[in-house]
Amino acid sequence: MICKLCGNPNIDKPESHIISKFFFEWLKSTSQTGFIREPKYPNKRLQDGLKVEFLCSNCEKVLSKWEKSFSEKIFKPLSNSNATFSFECDDEHIMKFVISIVWRALEYNYGMNLISDMTEEEQNDIQKALETWKNYLLDNLQEIRKKHVYIIPVKQFLGNGGPVRITYNRSVGIDFKVFDDQYWVVKVPNMIIIGEVIGEPDSNMKKYQIYK
């Protein structure tokens, strides 16, 4: 198999998480049962998230550094606090991690033909987004132009100062063609991670944007 990121032969064939492992570890560690649930089959208990042959071991090591940085600087503080939380949004490791998540999710779903009813223009936009994000991850681009990425804290976005249903805080999922057909969305515990795929940037999203 060929590594989806660097294009080199994936000789050792490790299995990669499409959505990072630390999200699922947090769900298990904070669950009363020690298991996680499949959204489509809530009665089925799982030990881990989706893993497939996707990246070579070298690319896995690179991504793991970004994952560690994101987990320690953003995910853990946000998940463990009800107070106002802020971080440096021009942190390159944070930017790389967020782009890696939306790239992995879109690359997997598009490659597996899990996204349907697309126009030719939408397919072209998806391919451009994938290429832009991949080149940035490989350091072939210094900036990502209009393919912006965002982090939205669930409590801020859905709570409006009131309680948020636990399913929003503890859910993991992937969606496409939401928010006015502009974005690719990855839902992880306590936050929504968004990559811009189709259309022009929305000025209302500016406050959630991650940039270098």
C-alpha atoms as a PDB file:
ATOM      1  CA  MET A   1       0.000   0.000   0.000  1.00  0.00           C
ATOM      2  CA  ILE A   2       1.106   3.578  -0.728  1.00  0.00           C
ATOM      3  CA  CYS A   3       1.151   6.138   2.100  1.00  0.00           C
ATOM      4  CA  LYS A   4      -1.659   8.643   1.520  1.00  0.00           C
ATOM      5  CA  LEU A   5       0.494  11.556   2.676  1.00  0.00           C
ATOM      6  CA  CYS A   6       4.068  11.152   1.408  1.00  0.00           C
ATOM      7  CA  GLY A   7       3.341   8.685  -1.396  1.00  0.00           C
ATOM      8  CA  ASN A   8       6.067   6.242  -0.367  1.00  0.00           C
ATOM      9  CA  PRO A   9       5.408   2.491  -0.163  1.00  0.00           C
ATOM     10  CA  ASN A  10       3.843   1.615   3.176  1.00  0.00           C
ATOM     11  CA  ILE A  11       6.094  -1.398   3.724  1.00  0.00           C
ATOM     12  CA  ASP A  12       5.371  -2.030   7.406  1.00  0.00           C
ATOM     13  CA  LYS A  13       1.610  -1.398   6.923  1.00  0.00           C
ATOM     14  CA  PRO A  14       0.703   0.119  10.300  1.00  0.00           C
ATOM     15  CA  GLU A  15      -2.933   0.933  10.940  1.00  0.00           C
ATOM     16  CA  SER A  16      -3.693   4.634  11.333  1.00  0.00           C
ATOM     17  CA  HIS A  17      -6.521   6.325  13.202  1.00  0.00           C
ATOM     18  CA  ILE A  18      -8.578   8.571  10.940  1.00  0.00           C
ATOM     19  CA  ILE A  19      -9.651  10.522  14.034  1.00  0.00           C
ATOM     20  CA  SER A  20      -6.804  10.660  16.553  1.00  0.00           C
ATOM     21  CA  LYS A  21      -6.565   7.980  19.227  1.00  0.00           C
ATOM     22  CA  PHE A  22      -6.360  10.381  22.184  1.00  0.00           C
ATOM     23  CA  PHE A  23      -9.984  11.444  21.627  1.00  0.00           C
ATOM     24  CA  PHE A  24     -11.157   7.857  22.059  1.00  0.00           C
ATOM     25  CA  GLU A  25      -8.860   7.311  25.028  1.00  0.00           C
ATOM     26  CA  TRP A  26     -10.445  10.327  26.737  1.00  0.00           C
ATOM     27  CA  LEU A  27     -13.941   8.997  26.016  1.00  0.00           C
ATOM     28  CA  LYS A  28     -13.067   5.622  27.547  1.00  0.00           C
ATOM     29  CA  SER A  29     -11.318   7.088  30.570  1.00  0.00           C
ATOM     30  CA  THR A  30     -14.301   9.340  31.359  1.00  0.00           C
ATOM     31  CA  SER A  31     -16.958   6.710  30.622  1.00  0.00           C
ATOM     32  CA  GLN A  32     -18.767   4.836  33.366  1.00  0.00           C
ATOM     33  CA  THR A  33     -18.347   1.586  31.417  1.00  0.00           C
ATOM     34  CA  GLY A  34     -14.831   2.068  30.038  1.00  0.00           C
ATOM     35  CA  PHE A  35     -16.108   1.601  26.485  1.00  0.00           C
ATOM     36  CA  ILE A  36     -17.182   3.821  23.592  1.00  0.00           C
ATOM     37  CA  ARG A  37     -20.287   3.500  21.441  1.00  0.00           C
ATOM     38  CA  GLU A  38     -20.854   3.471  17.699  1.00  0.00           C
ATOM     39  CA  PRO A  39     -23.323   6.315  16.882  1.00  0.00           C
ATOM     40  CA  LYS A  40     -25.175   4.219  14.269  1.00  0.00           C
ATOM     41  CA  TYR A  41     -25.259   1.193  16.592  1.00  0.00           C
ATOM     42  CA  PRO A  42     -25.467   2.613  20.143  1.00  0.00           C
ATOM     43  CA  ASN A  43     -25.872  -0.827  21.724  1.00  0.00           C
ATOM     44  CA  LYS A  44     -22.523  -1.973  20.316  1.00  0.00           C
ATOM     45  CA  ARG A  45     -19.544  -1.346  22.618  1.00  0.00           C
ATOM     46  CA  LEU A  46     -16.155  -0.533  21.071  1.00  0.00           C
ATOM     47  CA  GLN A  47     -12.613  -0.309  22.380  1.00  0.00           C
ATOM     48  CA  ASP A  48     -11.234   2.058  19.742  1.00  0.00           C
ATOM     49  CA  GLY A  49     -12.030   4.282  16.764  1.00  0.00           C
ATOM     50  CA  LEU A  50     -11.657   3.513  13.056  1.00  0.00           C
ATOM     51  CA  LYS A  51      -8.168   2.331  12.038  1.00  0.00           C
ATOM     52  CA  VAL A  52      -7.049   1.533   8.482  1.00  0.00           C
ATOM     53  CA  GLU A  53      -3.833   1.172   6.484  1.00  0.00           C
ATOM     54  CA  PHE A  54      -3.419   4.837   5.634  1.00  0.00           C
ATOM     55  CA  LEU A  55      -0.007   6.289   6.565  1.00  0.00           C
ATOM     56  CA  CYS A  56       3.535   4.959   6.684  1.00  0.00           C
ATOM     57  CA  SER A  57       5.303   4.734  10.041  1.00  0.00           C
ATOM     58  CA  ASN A  58       7.418   7.842   9.303  1.00  0.00           C
ATOM     59  CA  CYS A  59       4.349  10.001   8.643  1.00  0.00           C
ATOM     60  CA  GLU A  60       2.669   8.525  11.723  1.00  0.00           C
ATOM     61  CA  LYS A  61       5.608   9.721  13.843  1.00  0.00           C
ATOM     62  CA  VAL A  62       5.384  13.232  12.405  1.00  0.00           C
ATOM     63  CA  LEU A  63       1.632  13.453  13.000  1.00  0.00           C
ATOM     64  CA  SER A  64       2.005  12.109  16.543  1.00  0.00           C
ATOM     65  CA  LYS A  65       4.070  15.199  17.484  1.00  0.00           C
ATOM     66  CA  TRP A  66       1.256  17.491  16.348  1.00  0.00           C
ATOM     67  CA  GLU A  67      -1.313  15.334  18.136  1.00  0.00           C
ATOM     68  CA  LYS A  68       0.633  15.505  21.399  1.00  0.00           C
ATOM     69  CA  SER A  69       0.912  19.291  21.152  1.00  0.00           C
ATOM     70  CA  PHE A  70      -2.797  19.719  20.421  1.00  0.00           C
ATOM     71  CA  SER A  71      -3.832  17.338  23.191  1.00  0.00           C
ATOM     72  CA  GLU A  72      -1.718  19.076  25.834  1.00  0.00           C
ATOM     73  CA  LYS A  73      -2.290  22.692  24.781  1.00  0.00           C
ATOM     74  CA  ILE A  74      -5.960  22.603  23.776  1.00  0.00           C
ATOM     75  CA  PHE A  75      -7.917  19.393  24.234  1.00  0.00           C
ATOM     76  CA  LYS A  76      -7.051  18.582  27.853  1.00  0.00           C
ATOM     77  CA  PRO A  77      -7.385  22.160  29.174  1.00  0.00           C
ATOM     78  CA  LEU A  78     -10.665  22.637  27.322  1.00  0.00           C
ATOM     79  CA  SER A  79     -12.072  19.290  28.479  1.00  0.00           C
ATOM     80  CA  ASN A  80     -11.061  19.787  32.111  1.00  0.00           C
ATOM     81  CA  SER A  81     -12.272  23.335  32.607  1.00  0.00           C
ATOM     82  CA  ASN A  82     -15.582  25.161  32.547  1.00  0.00           C
ATOM     83  CA  ALA A  83     -13.804  28.510  32.529  1.00  0.00           C
ATOM     84  CA  THR A  84     -12.985  30.692  29.537  1.00  0.00           C
ATOM     85  CA  PHE A  85     -10.202  29.095  27.554  1.00  0.00           C
ATOM     86  CA  SER A  86      -7.825  30.636  25.013  1.00  0.00           C
ATOM     87  CA  PHE A  87      -4.698  29.644  23.099  1.00  0.00           C
ATOM     88  CA  GLU A  88      -2.244  30.977  20.527  1.00  0.00           C
ATOM     89  CA  CYS A  89      -3.947  30.371  17.181  1.00  0.00           C
ATOM     90  CA  ASP A  90      -0.756  30.922  15.168  1.00  0.00           C
ATOM     91  CA  ASP A  91       0.956  27.931  16.807  1.00  0.00           C
ATOM     92  CA  GLU A  92       2.224  25.870  13.857  1.00  0.00           C
ATOM     93  CA  HIS A  93       1.779  22.508  15.591  1.00  0.00           C
ATOM     94  CA  ILE A  94      -1.857  23.382  16.308  1.00  0.00           C
ATOM     95  CA  MET A  95      -2.383  24.419  12.692  1.00  0.00           C
ATOM     96  CA  LYS A  96      -0.733  21.240  11.401  1.00  0.00           C
ATOM     97  CA  PHE A  97      -2.828  19.029  13.660  1.00  0.00           C
ATOM     98  CA  VAL A  98      -6.142  20.650  12.720  1.00  0.00           C
ATOM     99  CA  ILE A  99      -5.316  20.402   9.018  1.00  0.00           C
ATOM    100  CA  SER A 100      -4.184  16.794   9.427  1.00  0.00           C
ATOM    101  CA  ILE A 101      -7.539  15.872  10.985  1.00  0.00           C
ATOM    102  CA  VAL A 102      -9.704  17.428   8.263  1.00  0.00           C
ATOM    103  CA  TRP A 103      -7.358  16.103   5.573  1.00  0.00           C
ATOM    104  CA  ARG A 104      -7.433  12.540   6.942  1.00  0.00           C
ATOM    105  CA  ALA A 105     -11.221  12.552   7.295  1.00  0.00           C
ATOM    106  CA  LEU A 106     -11.827  13.937   3.814  1.00  0.00           C
ATOM    107  CA  GLU A 107      -9.134  11.803   2.142  1.00  0.00           C
ATOM    108  CA  TYR A 108     -10.576   8.625   3.669  1.00  0.00           C
ATOM    109  CA  ASN A 109     -14.237   9.370   2.919  1.00  0.00           C
ATOM    110  CA  TYR A 110     -13.597  10.689  -0.585  1.00  0.00           C
ATOM    111  CA  GLY A 111     -11.244   7.818  -1.412  1.00  0.00           C
ATOM    112  CA  MET A 112     -13.803   5.278  -0.157  1.00  0.00           C
ATOM    113  CA  ASN A 113     -16.586   6.936  -2.199  1.00  0.00           C
ATOM    114  CA  LEU A 114     -18.530   7.709   0.969  1.00  0.00           C
ATOM    115  CA  ILE A 115     -19.458  11.218  -0.229  1.00  0.00           C
ATOM    116  CA  SER A 116     -22.345  11.115  -2.704  1.00  0.00           C
ATOM    117  CA  ASP A 117     -24.385  13.471  -4.895  1.00  0.00           C
ATOM    118  CA  MET A 118     -21.476  15.752  -5.786  1.00  0.00           C
ATOM    119  CA  THR A 119     -21.374  18.022  -8.790  1.00  0.00           C
ATOM    120  CA  GLU A 120     -18.249  18.134 -10.946  1.00  0.00           C
ATOM    121  CA  GLU A 121     -17.416  21.523  -9.442  1.00  0.00           C
ATOM    122  CA  GLU A 122     -17.726  20.141  -5.901  1.00  0.00           C
ATOM    123  CA  GLN A 123     -15.440  17.228  -6.761  1.00  0.00           C
ATOM    124  CA  ASN A 124     -12.870  19.661  -8.142  1.00  0.00           C
ATOM    125  CA  ASP A 125     -13.092  21.739  -4.948  1.00  0.00           C
ATOM    126  CA  ILE A 126     -12.596  18.633  -2.807  1.00  0.00           C
ATOM    127  CA  GLN A 127      -9.543  17.606  -4.795  1.00  0.00           C
ATOM    128  CA  LYS A 128      -8.094  21.128  -4.517  1.00  0.00           C
ATOM    129  CA  ALA A 129      -8.658  21.173  -0.758  1.00  0.00           C
ATOM    130  CA  LEU A 130      -7.010  17.767  -0.336  1.00  0.00           C
ATOM    131  CA  GLU A 131      -4.021  18.825  -2.424  1.00  0.00           C
ATOM    132  CA  THR A 132      -3.649  22.149  -0.605  1.00  0.00           C
ATOM    133  CA  TRP A 133      -3.817  20.570   2.860  1.00  0.00           C
ATOM    134  CA  LYS A 134      -1.466  17.727   1.916  1.00  0.00           C
ATOM    135  CA  ASN A 135       1.134  20.115   0.498  1.00  0.00           C
ATOM    136  CA  TYR A 136       0.965  22.193   3.665  1.00  0.00           C
ATOM    137  CA  LEU A 137       1.468  19.112   5.845  1.00  0.00           C
ATOM    138  CA  LEU A 138       4.461  18.154   3.699  1.00  0.00           C
ATOM    139  CA  ASP A 139       5.909  21.696   4.021  1.00  0.00           C
ATOM    140  CA  ASN A 140       5.489  22.303   0.288  1.00  0.00           C
ATOM    141  CA  LEU A 141       3.248  25.294   1.086  1.00  0.00           C
ATOM    142  CA  GLN A 142       3.796  28.033   3.643  1.00  0.00           C
ATOM    143  CA  GLU A 143       0.116  29.011   3.844  1.00  0.00           C
ATOM    144  CA  ILE A 144      -3.200  27.443   2.841  1.00  0.00           C
ATOM    145  CA  ARG A 145      -4.805  30.356   0.998  1.00  0.00           C
ATOM    146  CA  LYS A 146      -8.614  30.128   1.226  1.00  0.00           C
ATOM    147  CA  LYS A 147      -8.811  26.571   2.585  1.00  0.00           C
ATOM    148  CA  HIS A 148      -9.158  27.808   6.158  1.00  0.00           C
ATOM    149  CA  VAL A 149      -9.610  25.647   9.240  1.00  0.00           C
ATOM    150  CA  TYR A 150     -11.528  26.365  12.438  1.00  0.00           C
ATOM    151  CA  ILE A 151     -12.045  25.095  15.993  1.00  0.00           C
ATOM    152  CA  ILE A 152     -15.429  25.720  17.616  1.00  0.00           C
ATOM    153  CA  PRO A 153     -15.837  24.865  21.321  1.00  0.00           C
ATOM    154  CA  VAL A 154     -19.148  23.022  21.593  1.00  0.00           C
ATOM    155  CA  LYS A 155     -20.199  24.807  24.780  1.00  0.00           C
ATOM    156  CA  GLN A 156     -19.697  28.196  23.173  1.00  0.00           C
ATOM    157  CA  PHE A 157     -21.359  27.306  19.870  1.00  0.00           C
ATOM    158  CA  LEU A 158     -24.363  25.353  21.163  1.00  0.00           C
ATOM    159  CA  GLY A 159     -24.650  26.334  24.788  1.00  0.00           C
ATOM    160  CA  ASN A 160     -25.201  30.102  24.627  1.00  0.00           C
ATOM    161  CA  GLY A 161     -24.431  30.187  28.318  1.00  0.00           C
ATOM    162  CA  GLY A 162     -26.749  27.288  29.166  1.00  0.00           C
ATOM    163  CA  PRO A 163     -26.191  23.544  29.559  1.00  0.00           C
ATOM    164  CA  VAL A 164     -25.174  21.527  26.511  1.00  0.00           C
ATOM    165  CA  ARG A 165     -26.481  18.008  25.985  1.00  0.00           C
ATOM    166  CA  ILE A 166     -23.861  15.408  26.894  1.00  0.00           C
ATOM    167  CA  THR A 167     -24.113  13.832  23.426  1.00  0.00           C
ATOM    168  CA  TYR A 168     -22.599  16.963  21.914  1.00  0.00           C
ATOM    169  CA  ASN A 169     -19.685  16.915  24.347  1.00  0.00           C
ATOM    170  CA  ARG A 170     -18.957  13.216  23.906  1.00  0.00           C
ATOM    171  CA  SER A 171     -19.695  12.527  20.242  1.00  0.00           C
ATOM    172  CA  VAL A 172     -17.264  11.715  17.422  1.00  0.00           C
ATOM    173  CA  GLY A 173     -18.258  11.910  13.787  1.00  0.00           C
ATOM    174  CA  ILE A 174     -17.605  13.219  10.284  1.00  0.00           C
ATOM    175  CA  ASP A 175     -19.939  15.130   8.000  1.00  0.00           C
ATOM    176  CA  PHE A 176     -19.904  16.954   4.669  1.00  0.00           C
ATOM    177  CA  LYS A 177     -21.986  19.671   3.012  1.00  0.00           C
ATOM    178  CA  VAL A 178     -23.156  21.409   6.151  1.00  0.00           C
ATOM    179  CA  PHE A 179     -22.994  25.073   7.123  1.00  0.00           C
ATOM    180  CA  ASP A 180     -24.259  26.318   3.717  1.00  0.00           C
ATOM    181  CA  ASP A 181     -22.386  23.700   1.671  1.00  0.00           C
ATOM    182  CA  GLN A 182     -19.001  25.180   2.490  1.00  0.00           C
ATOM    183  CA  TYR A 183     -17.316  22.965   5.036  1.00  0.00           C
ATOM    184  CA  TRP A 184     -15.966  19.576   5.951  1.00  0.00           C
ATOM    185  CA  VAL A 185     -16.726  18.892   9.609  1.00  0.00           C
ATOM    186  CA  VAL A 186     -15.053  16.584  12.125  1.00  0.00           C
ATOM    187  CA  LYS A 187     -16.902  16.317  15.456  1.00  0.00           C
ATOM    188  CA  VAL A 188     -14.725  15.306  18.390  1.00  0.00           C
ATOM    189  CA  PRO A 189     -15.356  15.513  22.154  1.00  0.00           C
ATOM    190  CA  ASN A 190     -16.026  19.076  23.304  1.00  0.00           C
ATOM    191  CA  MET A 191     -15.299  20.713  19.954  1.00  0.00           C
ATOM    192  CA  ILE A 192     -16.039  20.862  16.241  1.00  0.00           C
ATOM    193  CA  ILE A 193     -13.109  20.982  13.806  1.00  0.00           C
ATOM    194  CA  ILE A 194     -13.919  22.454  10.401  1.00  0.00           C
ATOM    195  CA  GLY A 195     -12.080  22.637   7.087  1.00  0.00           C
ATOM    196  CA  GLU A 196     -13.208  24.926   4.292  1.00  0.00           C
ATOM    197  CA  VAL A 197     -13.771  22.953   1.099  1.00  0.00           C
ATOM    198  CA  ILE A 198     -16.408  24.703  -1.021  1.00  0.00           C
ATOM    199  CA  GLY A 199     -17.354  28.332  -1.386  1.00  0.00           C
ATOM    200  CA  GLU A 200     -15.917  31.552  -0.022  1.00  0.00           C
ATOM    201  CA  PRO A 201     -14.868  32.206   3.602  1.00  0.00           C
ATOM    202  CA  ASP A 202     -17.707  33.196   5.931  1.00  0.00           C
ATOM    203  CA  SER A 203     -16.958  36.354   7.922  1.00  0.00           C
ATOM    204  CA  ASN A 204     -19.033  34.996  10.835  1.00  0.00           C
ATOM    205  CA  MET A 205     -16.499  32.157  11.206  1.00  0.00           C
ATOM    206  CA  LYS A 206     -13.488  34.452  11.530  1.00  0.00           C
ATOM    207  CA  LYS A 207     -13.416  34.295  15.341  1.00  0.00           C
ATOM    208  CA  TYR A 208     -12.964  30.505  15.213  1.00  0.00           C
ATOM    209  CA  GLN A 209     -10.245  30.482  12.559  1.00  0.00           C
ATOM    210  CA  ILE A 210      -6.826  28.911  13.134  1.00  0.00           C
ATOM    211  CA  TYR A 211      -3.982  30.533  11.226  1.00  0.00           C
ATOM    212  CA  LYS A 212      -0.206  30.689  11.108  1.00  0.00           C
END
